[in-house]
Amino acid sequence: MNPSDRTPSAIRHPAVRRQPRRSQRGGGALEFALAAPLLLGFLLAMIDLARFVLAAQLAASAATAVADLASQTESFTAEMNPAKVVSGQEIAILMLAAAEVARPVDLAANGALIVTVMANRGSGVETSWQRRWGRTDIVTKISPSGLLGITIAPGESAVYAEVASSFRPWLLSGRLLGLEEDWPLRSVAVRRPRLGGPMLAP
């Protein structure tokens, strides 16, 4: 008996033998086509979360920088325009510091900086002064009844710096997922003045 007679028909016919390979390639392409949108969406979601964490860290750093600067300054002049800062004693230096630390976030256009000094002169805690830059629709959360757990004894004061902005994700927002289009960001830092101030000239 000729050995070639014992060879299965799939081996004797190359076209039949290659057919499963074509099927496997087609199945792999179909699986990739189905998985690619999910992988892309997962990647964009991870990038969104990373951008959000970065924006939150920038807001916290800006608030801390402003609170530190204000608590180390004995007095400020009343100049509110950051473009007119000359000596560094202008109150607008606080906005310049926040804007520098918060880059690339534009606090003047897309956020707000609110600096509040709360003082207790013996008759209870009251707002000594408050200045703000940026969006006017962002409201402060600091008040005599909202001191964020800080106790201000008679003769003491505290400087609060609030940095607020909004974050717009690429994917994790809007009607697609039923989430808000913009995510609010707010960070508050508080410091005790080191020089008994800061005072603000009228």
N, C-alpha and C. Protein backbone atom coordinates (compact mmCIF):
# COMPACT_ATOMS: atom_id res chain seq x y z
N MET A 1 0.86 -1.21 0.00
CA MET A 1 0.00 0.00 0.00
C MET A 1 0.88 1.25 0.00
N ASN A 2 0.54 2.18 -0.83
CA ASN A 2 1.32 3.42 -0.96
C ASN A 2 1.12 4.29 0.30
N PRO A 3 2.21 4.75 0.94
CA PRO A 3 2.05 5.57 2.17
C PRO A 3 1.23 6.82 1.95
N SER A 4 1.27 7.32 0.72
CA SER A 4 0.49 8.55 0.49
C SER A 4 -0.99 8.31 0.60
N ASP A 5 -1.39 7.03 0.46
CA ASP A 5 -2.82 6.76 0.57
C ASP A 5 -3.31 6.90 2.01
N ARG A 6 -2.38 6.78 2.97
CA ARG A 6 -2.80 6.89 4.38
C ARG A 6 -2.83 8.35 4.87
N THR A 7 -2.42 9.30 4.05
CA THR A 7 -2.41 10.71 4.46
C THR A 7 -3.82 11.28 4.49
N PRO A 8 -4.19 11.92 5.58
CA PRO A 8 -5.55 12.50 5.66
C PRO A 8 -5.79 13.49 4.52
N SER A 9 -7.06 13.64 4.20
CA SER A 9 -7.42 14.51 3.07
C SER A 9 -7.06 15.97 3.35
N ALA A 10 -7.07 16.42 4.64
CA ALA A 10 -6.76 17.81 4.96
C ALA A 10 -5.31 18.13 4.68
N ILE A 11 -4.44 17.09 4.75
CA ILE A 11 -3.03 17.32 4.48
C ILE A 11 -2.78 17.30 2.99
N ARG A 12 -3.51 16.46 2.28
CA ARG A 12 -3.30 16.37 0.84
C ARG A 12 -3.82 17.59 0.10
N HIS A 13 -4.72 18.34 0.70
CA HIS A 13 -5.32 19.50 0.04
C HIS A 13 -4.93 20.76 0.81
N PRO A 14 -3.93 21.50 0.36
CA PRO A 14 -3.47 22.70 1.09
C PRO A 14 -4.55 23.74 1.31
N ALA A 15 -5.46 23.88 0.38
CA ALA A 15 -6.52 24.89 0.53
C ALA A 15 -7.38 24.60 1.76
N VAL A 16 -7.64 23.33 2.00
CA VAL A 16 -8.44 22.95 3.16
C VAL A 16 -7.66 23.19 4.44
N ARG A 17 -6.34 22.96 4.39
CA ARG A 17 -5.51 23.12 5.57
C ARG A 17 -5.39 24.59 5.98
N ARG A 18 -5.36 25.51 5.04
CA ARG A 18 -5.20 26.93 5.37
C ARG A 18 -6.49 27.60 5.82
N GLN A 19 -7.59 27.00 5.60
CA GLN A 19 -8.88 27.64 5.90
C GLN A 19 -9.02 27.98 7.39
N PRO A 20 -8.63 27.11 8.34
CA PRO A 20 -8.76 27.49 9.75
C PRO A 20 -7.89 28.70 10.11
N ARG A 21 -6.71 28.85 9.44
CA ARG A 21 -5.88 30.01 9.76
C ARG A 21 -6.55 31.31 9.37
N ARG A 22 -7.20 31.33 8.22
CA ARG A 22 -7.94 32.54 7.83
C ARG A 22 -9.03 32.84 8.85
N SER A 23 -9.69 31.82 9.32
CA SER A 23 -10.76 32.01 10.29
C SER A 23 -10.22 32.57 11.59
N GLN A 24 -9.04 32.09 12.01
CA GLN A 24 -8.45 32.59 13.24
C GLN A 24 -8.05 34.06 13.10
N ARG A 25 -7.48 34.42 11.95
CA ARG A 25 -7.12 35.82 11.74
C ARG A 25 -8.36 36.71 11.75
N GLY A 26 -9.41 36.27 11.14
CA GLY A 26 -10.65 37.06 11.13
C GLY A 26 -11.23 37.20 12.51
N GLY A 27 -11.15 36.14 13.33
CA GLY A 27 -11.65 36.21 14.70
C GLY A 27 -10.84 37.16 15.56
N GLY A 28 -9.52 37.16 15.36
CA GLY A 28 -8.67 38.09 16.11
C GLY A 28 -8.96 39.54 15.77
N ALA A 29 -9.18 39.81 14.49
CA ALA A 29 -9.50 41.17 14.07
C ALA A 29 -10.83 41.62 14.65
N LEU A 30 -11.81 40.70 14.68
CA LEU A 30 -13.11 41.03 15.24
C LEU A 30 -13.00 41.31 16.74
N GLU A 31 -12.23 40.51 17.45
CA GLU A 31 -12.04 40.73 18.88
C GLU A 31 -11.37 42.07 19.15
N PHE A 32 -10.36 42.40 18.34
CA PHE A 32 -9.69 43.69 18.51
C PHE A 32 -10.64 44.84 18.24
N ALA A 33 -11.47 44.70 17.20
CA ALA A 33 -12.43 45.76 16.87
C ALA A 33 -13.43 45.98 18.00
N LEU A 34 -13.80 44.89 18.67
CA LEU A 34 -14.74 45.03 19.78
C LEU A 34 -14.06 45.58 21.04
N ALA A 35 -12.79 45.20 21.26
CA ALA A 35 -12.11 45.61 22.49
C ALA A 35 -11.48 46.99 22.39
N ALA A 36 -11.14 47.44 21.19
CA ALA A 36 -10.44 48.71 21.03
C ALA A 36 -11.19 49.90 21.63
N PRO A 37 -12.51 50.06 21.38
CA PRO A 37 -13.21 51.19 22.00
C PRO A 37 -13.19 51.14 23.53
N LEU A 38 -13.29 49.93 24.09
CA LEU A 38 -13.25 49.81 25.55
C LEU A 38 -11.87 50.19 26.09
N LEU A 39 -10.82 49.73 25.41
CA LEU A 39 -9.47 50.08 25.84
C LEU A 39 -9.22 51.58 25.71
N LEU A 40 -9.69 52.18 24.62
CA LEU A 40 -9.52 53.61 24.43
C LEU A 40 -10.28 54.40 25.49
N GLY A 41 -11.50 53.97 25.78
CA GLY A 41 -12.27 54.63 26.82
C GLY A 41 -11.62 54.52 28.19
N PHE A 42 -11.07 53.35 28.49
CA PHE A 42 -10.37 53.15 29.76
C PHE A 42 -9.14 54.06 29.84
N LEU A 43 -8.40 54.17 28.73
CA LEU A 43 -7.22 55.02 28.71
C LEU A 43 -7.59 56.48 28.92
N LEU A 44 -8.65 56.96 28.24
CA LEU A 44 -9.08 58.35 28.40
C LEU A 44 -9.57 58.62 29.82
N ALA A 45 -10.26 57.63 30.41
CA ALA A 45 -10.73 57.80 31.79
C ALA A 45 -9.56 57.92 32.75
N MET A 46 -8.52 57.12 32.54
CA MET A 46 -7.34 57.20 33.41
C MET A 46 -6.64 58.55 33.24
N ILE A 47 -6.58 59.05 32.00
CA ILE A 47 -5.97 60.37 31.77
C ILE A 47 -6.80 61.46 32.45
N ASP A 48 -8.14 61.36 32.37
CA ASP A 48 -9.01 62.33 33.04
C ASP A 48 -8.75 62.35 34.54
N LEU A 49 -8.67 61.17 35.15
CA LEU A 49 -8.45 61.11 36.59
C LEU A 49 -7.08 61.67 36.96
N ALA A 50 -6.08 61.40 36.13
CA ALA A 50 -4.75 61.95 36.40
C ALA A 50 -4.76 63.47 36.29
N ARG A 51 -5.45 64.01 35.29
CA ARG A 51 -5.55 65.46 35.14
C ARG A 51 -6.29 66.09 36.31
N PHE A 52 -7.33 65.41 36.80
CA PHE A 52 -8.10 65.92 37.94
C PHE A 52 -7.23 65.96 39.20
N VAL A 53 -6.47 64.90 39.43
CA VAL A 53 -5.59 64.87 40.60
C VAL A 53 -4.55 65.99 40.51
N LEU A 54 -4.00 66.20 39.31
CA LEU A 54 -3.02 67.28 39.13
C LEU A 54 -3.64 68.64 39.40
N ALA A 55 -4.86 68.87 38.88
CA ALA A 55 -5.54 70.15 39.10
C ALA A 55 -5.82 70.37 40.58
N ALA A 56 -6.22 69.31 41.29
CA ALA A 56 -6.49 69.42 42.72
C ALA A 56 -5.21 69.74 43.49
N GLN A 57 -4.10 69.14 43.10
CA GLN A 57 -2.82 69.42 43.76
C GLN A 57 -2.37 70.85 43.50
N LEU A 58 -2.59 71.35 42.29
CA LEU A 58 -2.23 72.73 41.98
C LEU A 58 -3.05 73.71 42.81
N ALA A 59 -4.35 73.43 42.96
CA ALA A 59 -5.21 74.30 43.77
C ALA A 59 -4.76 74.30 45.22
N ALA A 60 -4.42 73.12 45.75
CA ALA A 60 -3.96 73.04 47.14
C ALA A 60 -2.64 73.78 47.32
N SER A 61 -1.73 73.63 46.35
CA SER A 61 -0.44 74.32 46.44
C SER A 61 -0.61 75.83 46.37
N ALA A 62 -1.52 76.29 45.51
CA ALA A 62 -1.76 77.73 45.39
C ALA A 62 -2.34 78.29 46.68
N ALA A 63 -3.30 77.59 47.27
CA ALA A 63 -3.90 78.06 48.53
C ALA A 63 -2.86 78.11 49.64
N THR A 64 -2.01 77.09 49.70
CA THR A 64 -0.96 77.06 50.73
C THR A 64 0.03 78.19 50.55
N ALA A 65 0.43 78.45 49.30
CA ALA A 65 1.39 79.52 49.03
C ALA A 65 0.82 80.88 49.43
N VAL A 66 -0.45 81.13 49.14
CA VAL A 66 -1.07 82.41 49.47
C VAL A 66 -1.20 82.57 50.98
N ALA A 67 -1.64 81.51 51.66
CA ALA A 67 -1.79 81.58 53.11
C ALA A 67 -0.44 81.82 53.79
N ASP A 68 0.60 81.16 53.29
CA ASP A 68 1.94 81.37 53.85
C ASP A 68 2.41 82.81 53.65
N LEU A 69 2.24 83.31 52.42
CA LEU A 69 2.70 84.67 52.11
C LEU A 69 1.94 85.70 52.94
N ALA A 70 0.63 85.54 53.04
CA ALA A 70 -0.17 86.51 53.79
C ALA A 70 0.16 86.48 55.28
N SER A 71 0.43 85.30 55.81
CA SER A 71 0.71 85.19 57.25
C SER A 71 2.08 85.74 57.62
N GLN A 72 2.97 85.86 56.64
CA GLN A 72 4.32 86.38 56.91
C GLN A 72 4.44 87.87 56.64
N THR A 73 3.38 88.50 56.16
CA THR A 73 3.42 89.92 55.80
C THR A 73 2.71 90.73 56.87
N GLU A 74 3.36 91.79 57.34
CA GLU A 74 2.78 92.59 58.41
C GLU A 74 1.62 93.44 57.92
N SER A 75 1.74 94.02 56.73
CA SER A 75 0.67 94.87 56.20
C SER A 75 0.72 94.89 54.68
N PHE A 76 -0.44 95.15 54.10
CA PHE A 76 -0.58 95.28 52.65
C PHE A 76 -1.16 96.64 52.32
N THR A 77 -0.82 97.14 51.14
CA THR A 77 -1.54 98.29 50.60
C THR A 77 -2.79 97.77 49.89
N ALA A 78 -3.68 98.68 49.54
CA ALA A 78 -4.99 98.27 49.03
C ALA A 78 -5.00 97.99 47.53
N GLU A 79 -3.86 98.03 46.86
CA GLU A 79 -3.83 97.84 45.40
C GLU A 79 -4.27 96.43 45.04
N MET A 80 -5.36 96.34 44.23
CA MET A 80 -5.94 95.05 43.87
C MET A 80 -5.52 94.55 42.49
N ASN A 81 -4.94 95.41 41.68
CA ASN A 81 -4.58 95.04 40.32
C ASN A 81 -3.20 94.37 40.29
N PRO A 82 -3.14 93.08 39.92
CA PRO A 82 -1.83 92.41 39.89
C PRO A 82 -0.85 93.06 38.93
N ALA A 83 -1.35 93.74 37.90
CA ALA A 83 -0.46 94.38 36.94
C ALA A 83 0.24 95.61 37.53
N LYS A 84 -0.22 96.08 38.67
CA LYS A 84 0.36 97.27 39.28
C LYS A 84 1.20 96.96 40.52
N VAL A 85 1.57 95.70 40.67
CA VAL A 85 2.43 95.34 41.80
C VAL A 85 3.83 95.85 41.53
N VAL A 86 4.35 96.65 42.45
CA VAL A 86 5.68 97.24 42.30
C VAL A 86 6.59 96.86 43.46
N SER A 87 6.12 97.13 44.67
CA SER A 87 6.96 96.93 45.85
C SER A 87 6.82 95.54 46.47
N GLY A 88 5.76 94.84 46.14
CA GLY A 88 5.51 93.55 46.78
C GLY A 88 4.67 93.67 48.03
N GLN A 89 4.34 94.89 48.44
CA GLN A 89 3.48 95.10 49.60
C GLN A 89 2.02 95.25 49.21
N GLU A 90 1.75 95.26 47.92
CA GLU A 90 0.36 95.38 47.46
C GLU A 90 -0.40 94.07 47.75
N ILE A 91 -1.66 94.19 48.08
CA ILE A 91 -2.48 93.01 48.34
C ILE A 91 -2.57 92.13 47.10
N ALA A 92 -2.41 92.72 45.93
CA ALA A 92 -2.49 91.97 44.67
C ALA A 92 -1.36 90.97 44.51
N ILE A 93 -0.31 91.08 45.33
CA ILE A 93 0.79 90.11 45.25
C ILE A 93 0.30 88.71 45.57
N LEU A 94 -0.78 88.62 46.34
CA LEU A 94 -1.35 87.31 46.67
C LEU A 94 -1.94 86.64 45.43
N MET A 95 -2.59 87.42 44.59
CA MET A 95 -3.14 86.87 43.35
C MET A 95 -2.02 86.47 42.41
N LEU A 96 -0.97 87.26 42.35
CA LEU A 96 0.17 86.90 41.51
C LEU A 96 0.78 85.58 41.95
N ALA A 97 0.91 85.40 43.25
CA ALA A 97 1.48 84.15 43.77
C ALA A 97 0.58 82.96 43.44
N ALA A 98 -0.73 83.13 43.63
CA ALA A 98 -1.65 82.04 43.34
C ALA A 98 -1.65 81.69 41.86
N ALA A 99 -1.65 82.70 41.00
CA ALA A 99 -1.67 82.46 39.56
C ALA A 99 -0.40 81.74 39.10
N GLU A 100 0.73 82.10 39.71
CA GLU A 100 2.00 81.47 39.33
C GLU A 100 2.02 79.99 39.72
N VAL A 101 1.56 79.69 40.93
CA VAL A 101 1.59 78.31 41.41
C VAL A 101 0.55 77.45 40.69
N ALA A 102 -0.60 78.05 40.36
CA ALA A 102 -1.71 77.27 39.78
C ALA A 102 -1.57 77.02 38.29
N ARG A 103 -0.57 77.59 37.62
CA ARG A 103 -0.43 77.36 36.19
C ARG A 103 -0.40 75.88 35.89
N PRO A 104 -1.06 75.46 34.78
CA PRO A 104 -1.66 76.23 33.69
C PRO A 104 -3.12 76.65 33.92
N VAL A 105 -3.66 76.43 35.12
CA VAL A 105 -5.03 76.85 35.41
C VAL A 105 -5.08 78.38 35.46
N ASP A 106 -6.03 78.96 34.75
CA ASP A 106 -6.20 80.41 34.73
C ASP A 106 -7.21 80.80 35.81
N LEU A 107 -6.71 81.16 36.99
CA LEU A 107 -7.61 81.48 38.10
C LEU A 107 -8.43 82.73 37.84
N ALA A 108 -7.86 83.70 37.15
CA ALA A 108 -8.59 84.94 36.91
C ALA A 108 -9.81 84.72 36.04
N ALA A 109 -9.73 83.80 35.08
CA ALA A 109 -10.83 83.58 34.15
C ALA A 109 -11.70 82.39 34.55
N ASN A 110 -11.09 81.34 35.07
CA ASN A 110 -11.83 80.09 35.32
C ASN A 110 -11.93 79.72 36.79
N GLY A 111 -11.50 80.60 37.66
CA GLY A 111 -11.54 80.27 39.08
C GLY A 111 -11.60 81.52 39.93
N ALA A 112 -11.20 81.37 41.18
CA ALA A 112 -11.22 82.52 42.10
C ALA A 112 -10.23 82.29 43.22
N LEU A 113 -9.70 83.38 43.71
CA LEU A 113 -8.90 83.38 44.93
C LEU A 113 -9.59 84.28 45.93
N ILE A 114 -9.86 83.76 47.11
CA ILE A 114 -10.52 84.54 48.16
C ILE A 114 -9.64 84.47 49.41
N VAL A 115 -9.20 85.61 49.88
CA VAL A 115 -8.36 85.69 51.08
C VAL A 115 -9.17 86.36 52.18
N THR A 116 -9.28 85.69 53.31
CA THR A 116 -10.08 86.19 54.43
C THR A 116 -9.24 86.16 55.70
N VAL A 117 -9.27 87.24 56.44
CA VAL A 117 -8.63 87.28 57.75
C VAL A 117 -9.73 87.35 58.81
N MET A 118 -9.77 86.34 59.67
CA MET A 118 -10.72 86.29 60.78
C MET A 118 -9.97 86.64 62.05
N ALA A 119 -10.56 87.51 62.88
CA ALA A 119 -9.89 87.97 64.09
C ALA A 119 -10.86 87.97 65.26
N ASN A 120 -10.28 87.80 66.44
CA ASN A 120 -11.06 87.86 67.68
C ASN A 120 -10.45 88.98 68.52
N ARG A 121 -11.16 90.09 68.59
CA ARG A 121 -10.66 91.25 69.34
C ARG A 121 -11.24 91.31 70.76
N GLY A 122 -11.79 90.21 71.21
CA GLY A 122 -12.32 90.14 72.57
C GLY A 122 -13.81 90.01 72.63
N SER A 123 -14.49 90.37 71.54
CA SER A 123 -15.96 90.30 71.54
C SER A 123 -16.47 89.21 70.60
N GLY A 124 -15.60 88.28 70.26
CA GLY A 124 -16.00 87.20 69.36
C GLY A 124 -15.27 87.28 68.03
N VAL A 125 -15.38 86.21 67.28
CA VAL A 125 -14.69 86.13 65.99
C VAL A 125 -15.47 86.91 64.94
N GLU A 126 -14.77 87.72 64.18
CA GLU A 126 -15.39 88.47 63.10
C GLU A 126 -14.43 88.56 61.92
N THR A 127 -14.98 88.95 60.77
CA THR A 127 -14.14 89.11 59.57
C THR A 127 -13.40 90.42 59.65
N SER A 128 -12.09 90.34 59.72
CA SER A 128 -11.27 91.56 59.75
C SER A 128 -11.24 92.20 58.37
N TRP A 129 -10.93 91.43 57.34
CA TRP A 129 -11.03 91.89 55.96
C TRP A 129 -11.05 90.69 55.03
N GLN A 130 -11.55 90.93 53.83
CA GLN A 130 -11.62 89.88 52.81
C GLN A 130 -11.43 90.52 51.43
N ARG A 131 -10.62 89.87 50.59
CA ARG A 131 -10.42 90.31 49.22
C ARG A 131 -10.53 89.10 48.30
N ARG A 132 -11.01 89.37 47.08
CA ARG A 132 -11.20 88.27 46.14
C ARG A 132 -10.81 88.70 44.73
N TRP A 133 -10.41 87.71 43.95
CA TRP A 133 -10.07 87.90 42.54
C TRP A 133 -10.71 86.76 41.76
N GLY A 134 -11.03 87.03 40.49
CA GLY A 134 -11.57 85.98 39.64
C GLY A 134 -13.08 86.01 39.55
N ARG A 135 -13.67 84.84 39.36
CA ARG A 135 -15.11 84.74 39.14
C ARG A 135 -15.90 85.19 40.36
N THR A 136 -16.93 86.00 40.11
CA THR A 136 -17.73 86.52 41.22
C THR A 136 -18.82 85.56 41.66
N ASP A 137 -19.08 84.50 40.89
CA ASP A 137 -20.14 83.57 41.26
C ASP A 137 -19.66 82.53 42.27
N ILE A 138 -18.38 82.50 42.56
CA ILE A 138 -17.84 81.56 43.54
C ILE A 138 -17.91 82.23 44.91
N VAL A 139 -18.61 81.58 45.83
CA VAL A 139 -18.88 82.16 47.15
C VAL A 139 -17.93 81.56 48.18
N THR A 140 -17.47 82.40 49.09
CA THR A 140 -16.58 81.93 50.15
C THR A 140 -17.32 80.99 51.11
N LYS A 141 -16.59 80.09 51.69
CA LYS A 141 -17.15 79.18 52.69
C LYS A 141 -16.67 79.54 54.09
N ILE A 142 -15.94 80.65 54.21
CA ILE A 142 -15.40 81.06 55.50
C ILE A 142 -16.30 82.14 56.11
N SER A 143 -16.66 81.95 57.36
CA SER A 143 -17.49 82.90 58.09
C SER A 143 -17.22 82.72 59.58
N PRO A 144 -17.69 83.64 60.43
CA PRO A 144 -17.48 83.45 61.87
C PRO A 144 -18.01 82.12 62.39
N SER A 145 -19.01 81.58 61.73
CA SER A 145 -19.54 80.28 62.17
C SER A 145 -18.96 79.12 61.37
N GLY A 146 -18.14 79.42 60.38
CA GLY A 146 -17.52 78.37 59.58
C GLY A 146 -16.02 78.57 59.50
N LEU A 147 -15.33 78.16 60.55
CA LEU A 147 -13.88 78.39 60.65
C LEU A 147 -13.08 77.12 60.37
N LEU A 148 -13.74 76.09 59.87
CA LEU A 148 -13.07 74.83 59.51
C LEU A 148 -12.34 74.21 60.70
N GLY A 149 -12.98 74.29 61.86
CA GLY A 149 -12.41 73.64 63.04
C GLY A 149 -11.30 74.41 63.72
N ILE A 150 -11.03 75.63 63.27
CA ILE A 150 -9.97 76.44 63.88
C ILE A 150 -10.57 77.27 65.01
N THR A 151 -9.91 77.24 66.17
CA THR A 151 -10.32 78.07 67.30
C THR A 151 -9.48 79.33 67.33
N ILE A 152 -10.16 80.48 67.36
CA ILE A 152 -9.47 81.77 67.39
C ILE A 152 -9.77 82.42 68.74
N ALA A 153 -8.78 82.41 69.61
CA ALA A 153 -8.94 82.96 70.94
C ALA A 153 -8.85 84.48 70.89
N PRO A 154 -9.30 85.16 71.94
CA PRO A 154 -9.19 86.62 71.97
C PRO A 154 -7.75 87.08 71.75
N GLY A 155 -7.59 88.06 70.88
CA GLY A 155 -6.27 88.56 70.55
C GLY A 155 -5.59 87.80 69.42
N GLU A 156 -6.23 86.79 68.88
CA GLU A 156 -5.64 85.99 67.81
C GLU A 156 -6.38 86.23 66.50
N SER A 157 -5.75 85.82 65.42
CA SER A 157 -6.37 85.91 64.10
C SER A 157 -5.91 84.73 63.26
N ALA A 158 -6.55 84.54 62.13
CA ALA A 158 -6.19 83.45 61.21
C ALA A 158 -6.42 83.92 59.78
N VAL A 159 -5.53 83.50 58.90
CA VAL A 159 -5.61 83.84 57.48
C VAL A 159 -6.11 82.62 56.72
N TYR A 160 -7.18 82.81 55.97
CA TYR A 160 -7.74 81.74 55.14
C TYR A 160 -7.54 82.09 53.67
N ALA A 161 -7.03 81.15 52.92
CA ALA A 161 -6.88 81.33 51.47
C ALA A 161 -7.68 80.23 50.78
N GLU A 162 -8.65 80.65 49.98
CA GLU A 162 -9.48 79.70 49.22
C GLU A 162 -9.15 79.82 47.73
N VAL A 163 -8.85 78.70 47.12
CA VAL A 163 -8.65 78.65 45.68
C VAL A 163 -9.72 77.73 45.10
N ALA A 164 -10.53 78.29 44.22
CA ALA A 164 -11.61 77.51 43.61
C ALA A 164 -11.52 77.61 42.10
N SER A 165 -11.80 76.51 41.44
CA SER A 165 -11.83 76.49 39.98
C SER A 165 -12.70 75.32 39.54
N SER A 166 -12.78 75.12 38.25
CA SER A 166 -13.56 74.01 37.72
C SER A 166 -12.67 73.20 36.78
N PHE A 167 -12.98 71.93 36.70
CA PHE A 167 -12.21 71.00 35.87
C PHE A 167 -13.16 70.34 34.88
N ARG A 168 -12.79 70.36 33.60
CA ARG A 168 -13.63 69.75 32.57
C ARG A 168 -12.94 68.51 32.00
N PRO A 169 -13.47 67.33 32.30
CA PRO A 169 -12.86 66.09 31.79
C PRO A 169 -13.11 65.92 30.30
N TRP A 170 -12.29 65.08 29.68
CA TRP A 170 -12.48 64.75 28.27
C TRP A 170 -13.59 63.72 28.10
N LEU A 171 -13.64 62.73 28.99
CA LEU A 171 -14.57 61.61 28.83
C LEU A 171 -15.58 61.51 29.95
N LEU A 172 -15.14 61.65 31.19
CA LEU A 172 -15.98 61.38 32.35
C LEU A 172 -16.91 62.55 32.67
N SER A 173 -17.70 62.98 31.72
CA SER A 173 -18.62 64.08 31.95
C SER A 173 -19.72 64.05 30.91
N GLY A 174 -20.68 64.96 31.10
CA GLY A 174 -21.73 65.13 30.10
C GLY A 174 -22.78 64.04 30.14
N ARG A 175 -23.58 64.01 29.10
CA ARG A 175 -24.70 63.08 29.05
C ARG A 175 -24.27 61.63 28.85
N LEU A 176 -23.06 61.43 28.33
CA LEU A 176 -22.59 60.08 28.06
C LEU A 176 -22.63 59.22 29.32
N LEU A 177 -22.15 59.78 30.45
CA LEU A 177 -22.11 59.04 31.70
C LEU A 177 -23.04 59.63 32.75
N GLY A 178 -23.79 60.64 32.41
CA GLY A 178 -24.70 61.25 33.37
C GLY A 178 -24.01 62.05 34.46
N LEU A 179 -22.80 62.53 34.20
CA LEU A 179 -22.06 63.31 35.18
C LEU A 179 -22.08 64.79 34.80
N GLU A 180 -21.65 65.62 35.76
CA GLU A 180 -21.59 67.06 35.49
C GLU A 180 -20.55 67.35 34.42
N GLU A 181 -20.81 68.38 33.64
CA GLU A 181 -19.86 68.74 32.59
C GLU A 181 -18.57 69.29 33.19
N ASP A 182 -18.69 70.08 34.26
CA ASP A 182 -17.52 70.61 34.96
C ASP A 182 -17.50 70.09 36.39
N TRP A 183 -16.34 69.71 36.84
CA TRP A 183 -16.16 69.26 38.22
C TRP A 183 -15.61 70.41 39.04
N PRO A 184 -16.26 70.77 40.15
CA PRO A 184 -15.74 71.87 40.97
C PRO A 184 -14.52 71.45 41.78
N LEU A 185 -13.58 72.36 41.90
CA LEU A 185 -12.39 72.15 42.71
C LEU A 185 -12.29 73.29 43.72
N ARG A 186 -12.01 72.95 44.96
CA ARG A 186 -11.83 73.99 45.98
C ARG A 186 -10.82 73.49 47.01
N SER A 187 -9.89 74.36 47.33
CA SER A 187 -8.90 74.04 48.35
C SER A 187 -8.76 75.23 49.29
N VAL A 188 -8.69 74.94 50.57
CA VAL A 188 -8.58 76.00 51.59
C VAL A 188 -7.35 75.73 52.44
N ALA A 189 -6.55 76.76 52.65
CA ALA A 189 -5.40 76.68 53.55
C ALA A 189 -5.55 77.77 54.60
N VAL A 190 -5.15 77.46 55.82
CA VAL A 190 -5.26 78.42 56.91
C VAL A 190 -3.92 78.49 57.64
N ARG A 191 -3.53 79.70 58.00
CA ARG A 191 -2.30 79.93 58.72
C ARG A 191 -2.53 80.96 59.83
N ARG A 192 -1.74 80.83 60.88
CA ARG A 192 -1.74 81.84 61.94
C ARG A 192 -0.73 82.93 61.57
N PRO A 193 -1.12 84.19 61.58
CA PRO A 193 -0.17 85.25 61.26
C PRO A 193 1.02 85.23 62.21
N ARG A 194 2.22 85.41 61.65
CA ARG A 194 3.43 85.36 62.46
C ARG A 194 3.84 86.72 63.01
N LEU A 195 3.24 87.78 62.43
CA LEU A 195 3.65 89.13 62.83
C LEU A 195 2.48 89.92 63.42
N GLY A 196 1.47 89.23 63.86
CA GLY A 196 0.33 89.90 64.45
C GLY A 196 -0.63 90.49 63.43
N GLY A 197 -0.42 90.28 62.17
CA GLY A 197 -1.26 90.84 61.09
C GLY A 197 -1.94 89.74 60.34
N PRO A 198 -2.09 89.86 59.07
CA PRO A 198 -1.68 91.04 58.28
C PRO A 198 -2.72 92.14 58.33
N MET A 199 -2.25 93.37 58.31
CA MET A 199 -3.14 94.51 58.27
C MET A 199 -3.30 94.94 56.82
N LEU A 200 -4.46 95.50 56.51
CA LEU A 200 -4.75 95.98 55.17
C LEU A 200 -5.05 97.46 55.23
N ALA A 201 -4.26 98.24 54.52
CA ALA A 201 -4.47 99.69 54.52
C ALA A 201 -5.77 100.02 53.78
N PRO A 202 -6.51 101.02 54.21
CA PRO A 202 -7.76 101.39 53.54
C PRO A 202 -7.51 101.97 52.17
